[in-house]
């Protein structure tokens, strides 16, 4: 099996789109687009996402004690594209407000889950970041989904 075959098979999985944001203990903001997000446990309320070792945002996440999962809604493709880019400051012109620990909550997200980092596990070329959900905010519009390398609406 080649890496291309593996990626082609996984592209058949329809997933939601999130932007994971954080604020390091030094105050640096970071964020990235992620489809590798999942719920993990109801009691306690745990979620996880996978953070690539090569991500330019990784140092900020490593120096943080929390993160926010911003679940994107229909029409937020441009925002997803901005946070999918490597490097640079992704926040200028983005509407957000500080949540717990000052971590950015993106305005108009379908939902925001404010999390405390509980555990980080090795996972190949990624780290599996487990967070305990401490606070949620839920909107009311349709989700943005990702399938075969492109954004779609339901």
Protein backbone atom coordinates (compact mmCIF):
# COMPACT_ATOMS: atom_id res chain seq x y z
CA UNK A 1 0.00 0.00 0.00
CA UNK A 2 1.37 3.39 -0.95
CA UNK A 3 0.79 6.64 1.00
CA UNK A 4 -1.29 7.86 -1.94
CA UNK A 5 -3.57 4.80 -1.73
CA UNK A 6 -3.95 5.30 2.01
CA UNK A 7 -4.86 8.99 1.54
CA UNK A 8 -7.27 8.14 -1.30
CA UNK A 9 -9.10 5.62 0.88
CA UNK A 10 -9.35 8.04 3.82
CA UNK A 11 -10.64 10.81 1.54
CA UNK A 12 -13.84 8.76 1.21
CA UNK A 13 -14.61 9.51 4.87
CA UNK A 14 -16.97 12.50 5.17
CA UNK A 15 -16.01 14.64 8.14
CA UNK A 16 -16.81 17.94 9.75
CA UNK A 17 -14.32 20.80 9.69
CA UNK A 18 -12.87 22.44 12.79
CA UNK A 19 -10.40 25.14 13.59
CA UNK A 20 -8.51 24.37 16.77
CA UNK A 21 -7.25 27.51 18.51
CA UNK A 22 -4.98 28.04 21.49
CA UNK A 23 -3.05 30.66 23.42
CA UNK A 24 0.35 29.69 24.76
CA UNK A 25 1.27 30.54 28.33
CA UNK A 26 3.37 33.38 26.83
CA UNK A 27 0.24 34.77 25.13
CA UNK A 28 0.96 33.63 21.54
CA UNK A 29 -2.16 32.82 19.51
CA UNK A 30 -2.19 29.81 17.20
CA UNK A 31 -4.76 27.92 15.21
CA UNK A 32 -5.11 25.26 12.57
CA UNK A 33 -7.78 23.64 10.47
CA UNK A 34 -8.39 20.05 11.49
CA UNK A 35 -10.66 17.27 10.35
CA UNK A 36 -8.95 14.86 12.77
CA UNK A 37 -11.32 15.68 15.63
CA UNK A 38 -13.49 13.26 17.58
CA UNK A 39 -15.52 12.92 20.72
CA UNK A 40 -13.94 10.46 23.15
CA UNK A 41 -15.98 10.22 26.35
CA UNK A 42 -19.24 11.50 27.80
CA UNK A 43 -18.23 11.10 31.46
CA UNK A 44 -15.94 12.94 31.78
CA UNK A 45 -16.61 14.97 28.61
CA UNK A 46 -13.48 14.36 26.52
CA UNK A 47 -12.59 15.15 22.92
CA UNK A 48 -9.43 14.66 20.90
CA UNK A 49 -7.67 16.02 17.86
CA UNK A 50 -4.46 15.07 16.09
CA UNK A 51 -1.64 17.61 15.80
CA UNK A 52 1.04 17.04 13.18
CA UNK A 53 4.62 17.15 14.41
CA UNK A 54 5.49 19.38 11.43
CA UNK A 55 2.74 21.91 12.20
CA UNK A 56 4.03 25.45 12.67
CA UNK A 57 1.40 25.78 15.42
CA UNK A 58 2.77 22.85 17.43
CA UNK A 59 5.11 24.92 19.66
CA UNK A 60 2.18 27.10 20.78
CA UNK A 61 0.02 24.05 21.53
CA UNK A 62 2.94 22.46 23.41
CA UNK A 63 3.14 25.63 25.56
CA UNK A 64 -0.58 25.83 26.30
CA UNK A 65 -2.89 24.35 28.88
CA UNK A 66 -6.07 24.56 26.82
CA UNK A 67 -7.60 24.81 23.38
CA UNK A 68 -10.92 25.54 21.67
CA UNK A 69 -12.53 23.34 19.05
CA UNK A 70 -14.38 25.70 16.72
CA UNK A 71 -16.76 23.60 14.61
CA UNK A 72 -17.30 25.38 11.31
CA UNK A 73 -20.59 26.01 9.60
CA UNK A 74 -21.66 26.27 6.01
CA UNK A 75 -20.07 29.26 4.29
CA UNK A 76 -16.88 29.27 6.37
CA UNK A 77 -14.65 27.68 3.70
CA UNK A 78 -12.46 30.78 3.43
CA UNK A 79 -11.82 30.71 7.17
CA UNK A 80 -10.93 27.00 6.98
CA UNK A 81 -8.55 27.74 4.12
CA UNK A 82 -6.86 30.55 6.03
CA UNK A 83 -6.15 28.36 9.05
CA UNK A 84 -5.01 25.45 6.85
CA UNK A 85 -2.06 27.53 5.60
CA UNK A 86 1.38 26.92 7.03
CA UNK A 87 2.85 29.60 9.26
CA UNK A 88 2.05 33.25 9.63
CA UNK A 89 -0.43 35.11 11.79
CA UNK A 90 -3.86 33.77 10.86
CA UNK A 91 -5.93 36.01 13.14
CA UNK A 92 -5.89 39.51 11.52
CA UNK A 93 -9.40 40.34 10.34
CA UNK A 94 -10.90 37.22 11.96
CA UNK A 95 -13.83 37.85 14.30
CA UNK A 96 -13.17 36.19 17.64
CA UNK A 97 -13.45 36.79 21.35
CA UNK A 98 -11.48 35.37 24.28
CA UNK A 99 -12.85 32.41 26.19
CA UNK A 100 -11.42 30.55 29.14
CA UNK A 101 -7.67 31.16 29.44
CA UNK A 102 -7.99 33.84 26.75
CA UNK A 103 -8.13 31.19 24.02
CA UNK A 104 -9.87 32.49 20.86
CA UNK A 105 -13.47 31.46 20.23
CA UNK A 106 -14.26 32.11 16.58
CA UNK A 107 -17.44 34.12 16.13
CA UNK A 108 -20.22 32.50 14.11
CA UNK A 109 -18.85 28.98 14.53
CA UNK A 110 -21.46 26.23 14.61
CA UNK A 111 -20.13 25.31 18.05
CA UNK A 112 -17.16 26.13 20.30
CA UNK A 113 -15.84 23.62 22.81
CA UNK A 114 -13.48 25.12 25.39
CA UNK A 115 -11.10 22.45 26.64
CA UNK A 116 -8.38 21.90 29.20
CA UNK A 117 -5.55 19.70 27.92
CA UNK A 118 -5.69 16.41 29.84
CA UNK A 119 -3.23 14.20 27.96
CA UNK A 120 -1.00 14.12 24.89
CA UNK A 121 -0.15 10.74 23.35
CA UNK A 122 2.27 9.82 20.57
CA UNK A 123 0.62 8.78 17.32
CA UNK A 124 3.08 8.25 14.47
CA UNK A 125 3.83 11.60 12.85
CA UNK A 126 1.14 13.26 15.00
CA UNK A 127 0.37 13.84 18.66
CA UNK A 128 -3.08 12.87 19.93
CA UNK A 129 -4.27 15.73 22.13
CA UNK A 130 -7.04 14.87 24.60
CA UNK A 131 -9.02 17.68 26.15
CA UNK A 132 -11.69 17.87 28.81
CA UNK A 133 -14.57 20.06 27.68
CA UNK A 134 -15.20 22.74 30.29
CA UNK A 135 -17.62 25.01 28.47
CA UNK A 136 -19.63 24.92 25.23
CA UNK A 137 -21.39 27.40 22.97
CA UNK A 138 -23.75 26.14 20.27
CA UNK A 139 -25.01 27.97 17.17
CA UNK A 140 -27.82 27.02 14.86
CA UNK A 141 -26.85 26.64 11.23
CA UNK A 142 -25.71 23.88 8.87
CA UNK A 143 -22.23 22.33 9.11
CA UNK A 144 -19.31 22.59 6.74
CA UNK A 145 -18.14 19.13 5.65
CA UNK A 146 -15.03 17.81 3.94
CA UNK A 147 -15.01 15.00 1.37
CA UNK A 148 -12.43 13.92 -1.21
CA UNK A 149 -10.24 16.96 -0.69
CA UNK A 150 -12.97 19.61 -0.95
CA UNK A 151 -15.46 21.47 1.25
CA UNK A 152 -19.17 20.74 0.81
CA UNK A 153 -22.50 21.72 2.35
CA UNK A 154 -25.16 19.24 3.37
